[in-house]
């Protein structure tokens, strides 16, 4: 017998069942080691599978919670328009459960035949582009038509194959209601802003009535004096003309003309009339400025001189101050701007009034107003600096000076709205208003406005 046959005969069974002859201990250890590796791999696979199952369940719960919380409707449809899944919002509108909707055609849920035809064109994988904000009526759970604004996007597999569409939508009624509420809130806010603006103007006007009265007093007094002079001259002219009409002697008329100073009267007539007209025009300008300042604001777009408005504002505040308040104005000539002169006058008067209030305790209150023209690549600007010699603005208050209702004045002496409203007016005119404390002392407000060039 060959050696091979002998080796084969060496491996065989003993008298004990299952016991192999010729299998060494090393071979058994190798088998056991391989079994341990396989068992360890199985355990790792099981742990990884459990982790993936946990993540998958967590993802499913997350997606379910999102779909449940959505107020907008969501429908997943196949390439043929059959419904694959919907969210609870869609169930609520249609009055049908997801189980009943799966496999049915989405087109059957639209309320009119025209809507169904249009939906077939829109919600097709072959249609061009995406659907955005297309209004179509659905048949609601009560049988009524529910207009819905639809959006639609295609969905693809990982290899780019078209699987169907994702359709979302929002009932138009909710959009209209939300838009109406937003518009109403905006109108209420605008009305409140106008009321606050007008109230602040009236409060400022009340403080400045004395100054306005003094401003009117000068031209009115001038007109009154001229009218009295004209009345006296009229009596003399009447007497002289009466003698002329009676045919008096030439010597008598010459003596009467000299005694009544007719030649002087004739020389004075034109200056008196011109002065009266000038005084009346000045009065008209003051009243017109007062009307513009106190009128309810409109979006006026007028061409006006900012220098003239500033000078009038300073004059009114100083005349109402009832104490010495030195204001020095250094401006580079006329400053043409576009906007509302009444609103800008309110801003300027507020800045001057604040400077006066800040220097009440100063022995010699002073305000310097300087203007510097600046040029940028896009527009010409004027920068007005209002620098008073008061105590300045505390660092803690500086970030809040333009906040509504913020004031450091005693109760009853300030509304806290002046600077806030002024900031809004300047911003509306395309400018900016800034505040800071000068290192040399006092507060500095910087008003920057675009010039009309």
Protein backbone atom coordinates (compact mmCIF):
# COMPACT_ATOMS: atom_id res chain seq x y z
CA UNK A 1 0.00 0.00 0.00
CA UNK A 2 1.26 3.46 -0.77
CA UNK A 3 2.26 6.07 1.83
CA UNK A 4 -0.79 8.12 0.96
CA UNK A 5 -3.00 5.28 1.74
CA UNK A 6 -1.23 4.75 5.03
CA UNK A 7 -1.71 8.43 6.03
CA UNK A 8 -5.37 8.22 5.14
CA UNK A 9 -5.73 5.18 7.26
CA UNK A 10 -4.04 6.98 10.19
CA UNK A 11 -6.94 9.50 10.31
CA UNK A 12 -10.05 7.72 11.28
CA UNK A 13 -12.51 7.20 14.02
CA UNK A 14 -11.78 5.76 17.41
CA UNK A 15 -14.17 3.79 19.35
CA UNK A 16 -15.74 7.00 20.67
CA UNK A 17 -18.34 8.63 18.38
CA UNK A 18 -17.32 12.02 16.94
CA UNK A 19 -13.65 11.65 17.88
CA UNK A 20 -11.23 12.03 14.99
CA UNK A 21 -7.90 10.21 14.94
CA UNK A 22 -4.89 12.22 13.83
CA UNK A 23 -6.33 15.75 14.51
CA UNK A 24 -3.80 17.62 16.58
CA UNK A 25 -4.31 20.27 19.25
CA UNK A 26 -2.96 23.06 17.03
CA UNK A 27 -5.60 22.40 14.45
CA UNK A 28 -8.33 22.53 17.06
CA UNK A 29 -7.00 25.84 18.44
CA UNK A 30 -6.97 27.34 14.95
CA UNK A 31 -10.59 26.29 14.41
CA UNK A 32 -11.62 27.76 17.76
CA UNK A 33 -9.76 31.01 16.94
CA UNK A 34 -11.54 31.31 13.60
CA UNK A 35 -14.89 30.73 15.31
CA UNK A 36 -14.10 33.51 17.82
CA UNK A 37 -13.30 35.91 14.95
CA UNK A 38 -16.51 35.07 13.16
CA UNK A 39 -18.50 35.51 16.38
CA UNK A 40 -16.78 38.85 17.09
CA UNK A 41 -17.57 40.05 13.55
CA UNK A 42 -21.18 39.01 13.99
CA UNK A 43 -21.39 40.98 17.23
CA UNK A 44 -19.88 44.09 15.58
CA UNK A 45 -22.28 43.77 12.65
CA UNK A 46 -25.19 43.45 15.07
CA UNK A 47 -24.10 46.55 17.06
CA UNK A 48 -23.63 48.55 13.85
CA UNK A 49 -27.00 47.37 12.58
CA UNK A 50 -28.69 48.38 15.83
CA UNK A 51 -27.02 51.82 15.68
CA UNK A 52 -28.16 52.30 12.08
CA UNK A 53 -31.65 51.14 12.99
CA UNK A 54 -31.69 53.62 15.89
CA UNK A 55 -30.53 56.45 13.61
CA UNK A 56 -33.06 55.44 10.98
CA UNK A 57 -35.84 55.42 13.58
CA UNK A 58 -34.68 58.79 14.90
CA UNK A 59 -34.67 60.20 11.35
CA UNK A 60 -38.13 58.81 10.73
CA UNK A 61 -39.41 60.36 13.95
CA UNK A 62 -37.82 63.68 13.04
CA UNK A 63 -39.33 63.66 9.55
CA UNK A 64 -42.70 62.67 10.99
CA UNK A 65 -42.59 65.48 13.56
CA UNK A 66 -41.69 68.00 10.84
CA UNK A 67 -44.44 66.82 8.53
CA UNK A 68 -46.94 66.87 11.38
CA UNK A 69 -45.97 70.39 12.45
CA UNK A 70 -46.14 71.84 8.91
CA UNK A 71 -49.07 74.15 8.31
CA UNK A 72 -48.40 74.04 4.55
CA UNK A 73 -49.62 71.02 2.64
CA UNK A 74 -47.13 68.53 1.21
CA UNK A 75 -47.81 65.77 -1.33
CA UNK A 76 -45.32 63.31 -2.80
CA UNK A 77 -46.51 62.01 -6.17
CA UNK A 78 -45.13 59.58 -8.72
CA UNK A 79 -44.43 60.21 -12.37
CA UNK A 80 -48.03 59.38 -13.24
CA UNK A 81 -49.50 61.73 -10.63
CA UNK A 82 -50.40 58.99 -8.14
CA UNK A 83 -50.10 59.98 -4.50
CA UNK A 84 -47.33 58.24 -2.56
CA UNK A 85 -47.49 60.17 0.71
CA UNK A 86 -49.07 63.29 2.25
CA UNK A 87 -48.69 65.26 5.46
CA UNK A 88 -51.45 65.86 8.09
CA UNK A 89 -52.13 69.38 6.72
CA UNK A 90 -53.22 67.84 3.41
CA UNK A 91 -55.37 65.31 5.26
CA UNK A 92 -57.08 68.13 7.13
CA UNK A 93 -57.91 70.07 3.95
CA UNK A 94 -59.20 67.09 1.96
CA UNK A 95 -60.80 65.26 4.89
CA UNK A 96 -59.20 61.95 3.82
CA UNK A 97 -56.60 59.77 5.55
CA UNK A 98 -53.18 59.05 4.12
CA UNK A 99 -54.03 55.34 3.71
CA UNK A 100 -57.04 56.28 1.57
CA UNK A 101 -55.09 58.77 -0.52
CA UNK A 102 -52.11 56.56 -1.38
CA UNK A 103 -52.31 55.27 -4.93
CA UNK A 104 -55.05 57.71 -5.97
CA UNK A 105 -54.52 60.48 -8.52
CA UNK A 106 -53.79 63.95 -7.19
CA UNK A 107 -55.60 65.44 -10.16
CA UNK A 108 -58.95 64.07 -8.94
CA UNK A 109 -58.69 66.26 -5.82
CA UNK A 110 -58.87 69.56 -7.69
CA UNK A 111 -62.20 71.33 -7.60
CA UNK A 112 -62.82 72.16 -11.27
CA UNK A 113 -62.14 70.53 -14.61
CA UNK A 114 -60.03 73.53 -15.65
CA UNK A 115 -57.92 73.16 -12.52
CA UNK A 116 -57.45 69.43 -13.17
CA UNK A 117 -56.32 70.10 -16.73
CA UNK A 118 -53.88 72.78 -15.63
CA UNK A 119 -52.56 70.57 -12.81
CA UNK A 120 -51.84 67.77 -15.31
CA UNK A 121 -49.72 70.22 -17.30
CA UNK A 122 -47.95 71.66 -14.27
CA UNK A 123 -47.38 68.55 -12.15
CA UNK A 124 -45.68 66.51 -14.82
CA UNK A 125 -42.04 65.37 -14.83
CA UNK A 126 -41.99 66.39 -18.49
CA UNK A 127 -43.02 69.99 -17.77
CA UNK A 128 -40.47 72.77 -18.17
CA UNK A 129 -38.97 74.14 -14.99
CA UNK A 130 -40.47 74.36 -11.52
CA UNK A 131 -43.91 75.52 -10.41
CA UNK A 132 -43.94 78.62 -8.22
CA UNK A 133 -46.96 80.26 -6.60
CA UNK A 134 -49.62 78.94 -8.96
CA UNK A 135 -53.12 79.27 -7.56
CA UNK A 136 -55.43 76.27 -8.07
CA UNK A 137 -58.60 75.26 -6.15
CA UNK A 138 -58.75 72.01 -4.15
CA UNK A 139 -61.98 70.34 -3.12
CA UNK A 140 -62.17 70.80 0.66
CA UNK A 141 -63.51 68.34 3.22
CA UNK A 142 -66.79 70.29 3.33
CA UNK A 143 -67.16 70.24 -0.44
CA UNK A 144 -66.17 73.88 -0.81
CA UNK A 145 -63.37 75.08 -3.08
CA UNK A 146 -60.16 75.98 -1.24
CA UNK A 147 -57.78 78.19 -3.29
CA UNK A 148 -54.19 77.07 -2.72
CA UNK A 149 -50.90 78.60 -3.85
CA UNK A 150 -48.85 75.64 -5.15
CA UNK A 151 -45.13 75.09 -5.56
CA UNK A 152 -43.60 72.01 -7.16
CA UNK A 153 -40.14 70.53 -7.62
CA UNK A 154 -38.99 67.24 -9.17
CA UNK A 155 -37.33 64.51 -7.10
CA UNK A 156 -34.65 62.13 -8.34
CA UNK A 157 -32.97 58.91 -7.29
CA UNK A 158 -29.30 58.75 -6.31
CA UNK A 159 -28.43 58.01 -9.94
CA UNK A 160 -30.47 60.94 -11.25
CA UNK A 161 -33.53 59.06 -12.39
CA UNK A 162 -36.81 60.94 -12.16
CA UNK A 163 -39.04 59.51 -9.44
CA UNK A 164 -41.84 62.02 -9.48
CA UNK A 165 -42.61 65.36 -7.84
CA UNK A 166 -42.87 67.03 -4.43
CA UNK A 167 -45.84 69.42 -4.31
CA UNK A 168 -46.27 71.98 -1.54
CA UNK A 169 -48.91 74.63 -1.09
CA UNK A 170 -50.54 77.11 1.27
CA UNK A 171 -54.22 78.08 1.38
CA UNK A 172 -54.60 81.56 -0.13
CA UNK A 173 -57.07 82.56 2.58
CA UNK A 174 -54.36 82.36 5.23
CA UNK A 175 -51.97 84.35 3.06
CA UNK A 176 -54.56 87.05 2.46
CA UNK A 177 -55.41 87.20 6.15
CA UNK A 178 -51.74 87.44 7.13
CA UNK A 179 -51.14 90.11 4.47
CA UNK A 180 -54.17 92.08 5.63
CA UNK A 181 -52.99 91.93 9.24
CA UNK A 182 -49.50 92.99 8.24
CA UNK A 183 -50.81 95.86 6.14
CA UNK A 184 -53.14 97.00 8.93
CA UNK A 185 -50.27 96.89 11.43
CA UNK A 186 -48.15 98.94 9.02
CA UNK A 187 -50.89 101.54 8.60
CA UNK A 188 -51.41 101.73 12.37
CA UNK A 189 -47.68 102.18 12.84
CA UNK A 190 -47.56 104.97 10.25
CA UNK A 191 -50.53 106.71 11.89
CA UNK A 192 -48.95 106.42 15.34
CA UNK A 193 -45.67 107.76 13.98
CA UNK A 194 -47.44 110.75 12.41
CA UNK A 195 -49.31 111.42 15.66
CA UNK A 196 -46.10 111.27 17.71
CA UNK A 197 -44.36 113.52 15.19
CA UNK A 198 -47.19 116.04 15.27
CA UNK A 199 -47.42 115.92 19.08
CA UNK A 200 -43.72 116.58 19.43
CA UNK A 201 -43.99 119.47 16.99
CA UNK A 202 -46.85 120.96 18.97
CA UNK A 203 -44.84 120.61 22.18
CA UNK A 204 -41.91 122.40 20.53
CA UNK A 205 -44.23 125.04 19.12
CA UNK A 206 -45.71 125.66 22.55
CA UNK A 207 -42.23 126.34 23.95
CA UNK A 208 -41.45 128.72 21.08
CA UNK A 209 -44.66 130.76 20.97
CA UNK A 210 -42.98 133.69 22.72
CA UNK A 211 -40.18 133.69 20.17
CA UNK A 212 -42.60 133.56 17.27
CA UNK A 213 -44.64 136.40 18.77
CA UNK A 214 -41.50 138.51 19.08
CA UNK A 215 -40.54 137.59 15.53
CA UNK A 216 -43.93 138.81 14.29
CA UNK A 217 -43.85 141.91 16.47
CA UNK A 218 -40.98 143.57 14.60
CA UNK A 219 -42.46 143.65 11.06
CA UNK A 220 -45.95 144.37 12.38
CA UNK A 221 -44.64 147.33 14.40
CA UNK A 222 -42.76 148.55 11.34
CA UNK A 223 -45.91 148.32 9.20
CA UNK A 224 -47.97 150.08 11.87
CA UNK A 225 -45.49 152.99 12.08
CA UNK A 226 -45.47 153.38 8.30
CA UNK A 227 -49.26 153.37 8.14
CA UNK A 228 -49.48 156.11 10.79
CA UNK A 229 -46.96 158.17 8.81
CA UNK A 230 -48.95 157.62 5.60
CA UNK A 231 -52.13 158.74 7.37
CA UNK A 232 -50.47 161.99 8.44
CA UNK A 233 -49.13 162.53 4.94
CA UNK A 234 -52.58 161.84 3.49
CA UNK A 235 -54.05 164.73 5.59
CA UNK A 236 -51.43 167.14 4.38
CA UNK A 237 -51.83 166.09 0.77
CA UNK A 238 -55.63 166.44 1.07
CA UNK A 239 -55.24 169.99 2.42
CA UNK A 240 -52.81 170.98 -0.33
CA UNK A 241 -54.89 169.43 -3.14
CA UNK A 242 -57.98 171.18 -1.78
CA UNK A 243 -56.23 174.56 -2.10
CA UNK A 244 -55.12 173.66 -5.62
CA UNK A 245 -58.68 172.79 -6.66
CA UNK A 246 -60.04 176.02 -5.16
CA UNK A 247 -57.75 177.96 -7.50
CA UNK A 248 -55.60 179.61 -4.83
CA UNK A 249 -52.93 182.14 -5.69
CA UNK A 250 -49.55 180.90 -6.77
CA UNK A 251 -47.77 182.56 -3.84
CA UNK A 252 -50.27 181.03 -1.40
CA UNK A 253 -49.87 177.57 -2.90
CA UNK A 254 -46.07 177.88 -2.78
CA UNK A 255 -46.17 178.95 0.87
CA UNK A 256 -48.65 176.12 1.68
CA UNK A 257 -46.49 173.60 -0.14
CA UNK A 258 -43.47 174.61 1.89
CA UNK A 259 -45.35 174.69 5.21
CA UNK A 260 -46.93 171.24 4.66
CA UNK A 261 -43.59 169.85 3.41
CA UNK A 262 -45.22 168.37 0.35
CA UNK A 263 -41.89 167.76 -1.41
CA UNK A 264 -40.60 165.78 1.57
CA UNK A 265 -43.83 163.75 1.66
CA UNK A 266 -43.44 162.90 -2.03
CA UNK A 267 -39.85 161.78 -1.40
CA UNK A 268 -40.96 159.62 1.55
CA UNK A 269 -43.92 157.95 -0.14
CA UNK A 270 -42.00 155.31 -2.10
CA UNK A 271 -39.71 154.28 0.84
CA UNK A 272 -42.77 154.12 3.14
CA UNK A 273 -44.71 151.97 0.68
CA UNK A 274 -41.69 149.75 0.00
CA UNK A 275 -41.06 149.36 3.73
CA UNK A 276 -44.70 148.46 4.36
CA UNK A 277 -44.63 145.87 1.59
CA UNK A 278 -41.37 144.46 2.96
CA UNK A 279 -42.82 144.23 6.48
CA UNK A 280 -45.97 142.56 5.20
CA UNK A 281 -43.89 140.09 3.17
CA UNK A 282 -41.76 139.34 6.23
CA UNK A 283 -44.92 138.71 8.25
CA UNK A 284 -46.22 136.42 5.53
CA UNK A 285 -42.96 134.46 5.53
CA UNK A 286 -43.09 134.02 9.30
CA UNK A 287 -46.69 132.86 9.22
CA UNK A 288 -45.95 130.57 6.29
CA UNK A 289 -43.01 129.03 8.13
CA UNK A 290 -45.17 128.62 11.21
CA UNK A 291 -47.88 126.89 9.14
CA UNK A 292 -45.37 124.53 7.54
CA UNK A 293 -43.88 123.71 10.91
CA UNK A 294 -47.18 123.01 12.65
CA UNK A 295 -49.00 121.30 9.77
CA UNK A 296 -49.57 117.55 9.73
CA UNK A 297 -46.62 116.08 7.86
CA UNK A 298 -46.80 115.00 4.27
CA UNK A 299 -44.16 113.48 2.05
CA UNK A 300 -43.16 116.84 0.65
CA UNK A 301 -40.42 117.06 -1.93
CA UNK A 302 -39.57 120.75 -2.24
CA UNK A 303 -36.40 122.60 -3.17
CA UNK A 304 -35.41 124.91 -0.31
CA UNK A 305 -32.41 126.60 1.27
CA UNK A 306 -31.26 124.81 4.43
CA UNK A 307 -29.36 127.92 5.50
CA UNK A 308 -32.55 129.98 5.56
CA UNK A 309 -34.40 127.31 7.56
CA UNK A 310 -31.51 127.07 10.04
CA UNK A 311 -31.37 130.84 10.57
CA UNK A 312 -35.12 130.97 11.18
CA UNK A 313 -34.90 128.07 13.63
CA UNK A 314 -32.08 129.72 15.58
CA UNK A 315 -33.94 133.04 15.66
CA UNK A 316 -37.13 131.47 17.03
CA UNK A 317 -35.34 129.49 19.75
CA UNK A 318 -33.18 132.41 20.84
CA UNK A 319 -36.13 134.79 21.05
CA UNK A 320 -38.03 132.29 23.18
CA UNK A 321 -35.04 131.61 25.45
CA UNK A 322 -35.67 134.72 27.61
CA UNK A 323 -31.98 134.77 28.54
CA UNK A 324 -28.69 135.33 26.80
CA UNK A 325 -27.85 132.47 24.45
CA UNK A 326 -24.99 133.15 22.07
CA UNK A 327 -25.31 131.27 18.79
CA UNK A 328 -22.54 131.60 16.20
CA UNK A 329 -23.35 130.42 12.67
CA UNK A 330 -20.61 129.80 10.12
CA UNK A 331 -22.04 128.35 6.91
CA UNK A 332 -20.65 128.31 3.35
CA UNK A 333 -23.48 130.31 1.77
CA UNK A 334 -26.82 128.90 0.56
CA UNK A 335 -27.36 125.16 0.98
CA UNK A 336 -29.90 123.86 -1.57
CA UNK A 337 -31.58 120.60 -0.49
CA UNK A 338 -34.71 118.66 -1.41
CA UNK A 339 -37.34 117.51 1.06
CA UNK A 340 -39.78 118.91 3.58
CA UNK A 341 -38.71 122.33 4.93
CA UNK A 342 -41.19 121.98 7.81
CA UNK A 343 -39.73 118.66 8.90
CA UNK A 344 -36.15 119.88 8.61
CA UNK A 345 -37.05 122.99 10.59
CA UNK A 346 -38.32 120.71 13.35
CA UNK A 347 -34.98 118.86 13.35
CA UNK A 348 -32.92 122.05 13.47
CA UNK A 349 -35.07 123.68 16.15
CA UNK A 350 -34.81 120.51 18.22
CA UNK A 351 -31.02 120.51 18.00
CA UNK A 352 -30.80 124.21 18.93
CA UNK A 353 -33.34 123.82 21.75
CA UNK A 354 -31.44 120.81 23.14
CA UNK A 355 -28.22 122.85 23.09
CA UNK A 356 -29.96 125.65 25.00
CA UNK A 357 -31.34 123.19 27.56
CA UNK A 358 -27.89 121.62 27.99
CA UNK A 359 -26.30 125.02 28.75
CA UNK A 360 -28.88 126.34 31.24
CA UNK A 361 -26.43 126.06 34.12
CA UNK A 362 -23.53 127.59 32.15
CA UNK A 363 -22.71 131.23 32.92
CA UNK A 364 -22.26 132.16 29.25
CA UNK A 365 -24.22 129.60 27.18
CA UNK A 366 -22.90 129.27 23.68
CA UNK A 367 -23.62 127.21 20.56
CA UNK A 368 -21.38 127.04 17.52
CA UNK A 369 -22.94 125.87 14.24
CA UNK A 370 -20.43 125.24 11.48
CA UNK A 371 -21.00 123.85 8.02
CA UNK A 372 -18.52 122.10 5.78
CA UNK A 373 -19.18 120.96 2.23
CA UNK A 374 -17.97 117.49 1.38
CA UNK A 375 -17.75 115.64 -1.91
CA UNK A 376 -18.01 111.92 -2.47
CA UNK A 377 -17.96 109.86 -5.63
CA UNK A 378 -21.76 109.85 -5.79
CA UNK A 379 -23.04 113.13 -4.27
CA UNK A 380 -22.23 116.45 -2.62
CA UNK A 381 -22.87 116.64 1.11
CA UNK A 382 -23.14 119.32 3.78
CA UNK A 383 -22.05 118.49 7.31
CA UNK A 384 -23.51 120.73 10.03
CA UNK A 385 -21.87 120.51 13.46
CA UNK A 386 -23.80 121.73 16.53
CA UNK A 387 -21.25 122.14 19.35
CA UNK A 388 -22.45 123.54 22.69
CA UNK A 389 -20.42 124.35 25.81
CA UNK A 390 -22.56 122.32 28.19
CA UNK A 391 -21.56 119.31 30.26
CA UNK A 392 -21.67 116.90 27.30
CA UNK A 393 -23.28 113.47 27.09
CA UNK A 394 -22.46 110.79 29.66
CA UNK A 395 -20.77 107.73 28.07
CA UNK A 396 -23.56 105.48 29.35
CA UNK A 397 -26.23 107.66 27.73
CA UNK A 398 -24.51 108.13 24.38
CA UNK A 399 -25.78 104.87 22.80
CA UNK A 400 -29.37 105.74 23.79
CA UNK A 401 -29.75 109.42 22.85
CA UNK A 402 -31.80 108.53 19.75
CA UNK A 403 -33.94 105.89 21.48
CA UNK A 404 -37.67 106.74 21.73
CA UNK A 405 -38.72 108.19 25.12
CA UNK A 406 -35.12 108.40 26.37
CA UNK A 407 -34.46 111.69 28.15
CA UNK A 408 -32.20 113.01 30.88
CA UNK A 409 -34.39 116.07 31.49
CA UNK A 410 -36.53 116.35 34.64
CA UNK A 411 -40.07 115.03 34.53
CA UNK A 412 -42.35 117.42 32.65
CA UNK A 413 -39.52 119.08 30.71
CA UNK A 414 -39.02 116.56 27.93
CA UNK A 415 -40.91 113.87 26.07
CA UNK A 416 -37.90 111.84 25.00
CA UNK A 417 -39.16 111.87 21.41
CA UNK A 418 -37.41 114.89 19.92
CA UNK A 419 -34.10 113.30 18.95
CA UNK A 420 -35.72 110.00 18.01
CA UNK A 421 -38.13 111.73 15.62
CA UNK A 422 -35.34 113.97 14.31
CA UNK A 423 -33.21 110.90 13.58
CA UNK A 424 -36.05 109.36 11.57
CA UNK A 425 -36.69 112.58 9.62
CA UNK A 426 -33.02 112.96 8.69
CA UNK A 427 -32.79 109.32 7.65
CA UNK A 428 -35.94 109.75 5.53
CA UNK A 429 -34.23 112.67 3.77
CA UNK A 430 -31.22 110.51 2.91
CA UNK A 431 -28.98 111.99 5.61
CA UNK A 432 -27.65 110.89 8.98
CA UNK A 433 -27.59 112.30 12.50
CA UNK A 434 -24.84 111.45 14.97
CA UNK A 435 -24.00 112.46 18.54
CA UNK A 436 -20.79 112.49 20.54
CA UNK A 437 -19.02 114.31 23.35
CA UNK A 438 -16.21 116.65 22.33
CA UNK A 439 -12.88 116.02 24.16
CA UNK A 440 -12.70 119.77 24.84
CA UNK A 441 -16.11 119.66 26.49
CA UNK A 442 -19.73 119.91 25.46
CA UNK A 443 -21.91 117.82 23.20
CA UNK A 444 -21.61 117.66 19.41
CA UNK A 445 -24.42 116.71 17.07
CA UNK A 446 -23.44 116.19 13.44
CA UNK A 447 -26.12 116.49 10.76
CA UNK A 448 -25.11 115.30 7.28
CA UNK A 449 -27.44 116.01 4.34
CA UNK A 450 -27.14 115.50 0.57
CA UNK A 451 -27.11 118.75 -1.39
CA UNK A 452 -29.27 119.40 -4.45
CA UNK A 453 -26.58 120.26 -7.00
